[in-house]
Protein backbone atom coordinates (compact mmCIF):
# COMPACT_ATOMS: atom_id res chain seq x y z
CA MET A 1 -0.74 11.65 -27.17
CA SER A 2 -3.78 13.43 -27.85
CA GLN A 3 -2.12 16.84 -26.92
CA SER A 4 1.18 18.22 -27.28
CA ARG A 5 2.75 18.34 -23.98
CA LYS A 6 5.96 20.16 -22.97
CA ILE A 7 8.27 17.90 -21.16
CA VAL A 8 11.66 18.65 -19.90
CA LEU A 9 13.97 15.81 -18.98
CA VAL A 10 16.13 17.46 -16.00
CA GLN A 11 19.70 15.84 -15.40
CA THR A 12 21.28 16.27 -11.95
CA PRO A 13 25.49 16.33 -12.42
CA HIS A 14 25.53 13.26 -9.78
CA ARG A 15 25.94 9.59 -10.60
CA PRO A 16 22.89 7.33 -10.62
CA ALA A 17 21.58 6.37 -7.37
CA THR A 18 22.26 2.53 -7.86
CA ALA A 19 24.59 0.70 -10.05
CA GLY A 20 23.30 -0.32 -13.35
CA SER A 21 20.23 1.92 -13.28
CA GLU A 22 21.31 3.54 -16.64
CA ILE A 23 18.39 4.91 -18.90
CA ASP A 24 18.77 5.60 -22.27
CA LEU A 25 17.63 9.34 -22.34
CA ALA A 26 18.13 9.76 -25.90
CA GLY A 27 15.83 7.16 -26.68
CA LEU A 28 13.30 8.35 -24.31
CA ARG A 29 13.56 11.69 -25.60
CA ASP A 30 13.14 10.47 -29.35
CA ALA A 31 10.21 8.27 -28.57
CA LEU A 32 8.33 11.17 -26.46
CA ARG A 33 9.06 13.30 -29.85
CA GLU A 34 7.66 10.63 -32.08
CA ARG A 35 4.31 10.49 -29.86
CA GLY A 36 4.04 14.42 -30.27
CA ALA A 37 5.44 15.98 -27.26
CA GLU A 38 7.89 18.81 -27.13
CA VAL A 39 11.10 17.52 -24.86
CA GLU A 40 13.86 19.87 -23.87
CA VAL A 41 16.84 18.82 -21.97
CA ALA A 42 18.15 20.66 -19.13
CA VAL A 43 21.20 20.01 -16.69
CA LEU A 44 20.41 21.12 -13.15
CA ASP A 45 23.22 23.31 -12.03
CA ALA A 46 23.61 26.64 -10.62
CA ASP A 47 23.83 28.74 -14.04
CA GLN A 48 20.76 27.04 -15.51
CA VAL A 49 18.12 27.14 -12.56
CA ASP A 50 16.28 30.32 -13.76
CA GLY A 51 15.87 28.89 -17.12
CA LEU A 52 14.74 25.76 -15.98
CA LEU A 53 12.24 27.73 -13.49
CA ASP A 54 10.93 29.78 -16.69
CA ARG A 55 10.34 26.31 -18.52
CA LEU A 56 8.44 25.05 -15.45
CA GLU A 57 6.43 28.29 -15.11
CA ALA A 58 5.50 28.08 -18.74
CA GLY A 59 3.83 24.64 -17.99
CA ALA A 60 6.44 22.20 -18.74
CA LEU A 61 6.32 18.79 -17.08
CA PRO A 62 9.68 17.92 -15.35
CA VAL A 63 11.00 14.48 -15.33
CA VAL A 64 14.31 14.28 -13.38
CA PHE A 65 16.94 11.95 -13.71
CA ARG A 66 20.20 11.37 -11.50
CA GLY A 67 23.42 11.24 -13.07
CA GLU A 68 22.39 10.34 -16.53
CA ARG A 69 23.43 12.19 -19.56
CA CYS A 70 21.17 12.61 -22.82
CA THR A 71 23.11 13.67 -25.74
């Protein structure tokens, strides 16, 4: 990445849309960081909506995953 980009990996509390569609979010997060991105992880629930909206307003690119967990 030629310029640092802010990315928010947004996780929903639901199961994946289809069986076998699991993604290694920890690996994705680490790979993006190695390439210079600022990566945050957020779980989409009622308690964290304001914080997520603040990150998006600050220019972070949201990437949403259904039911996956990144540790």
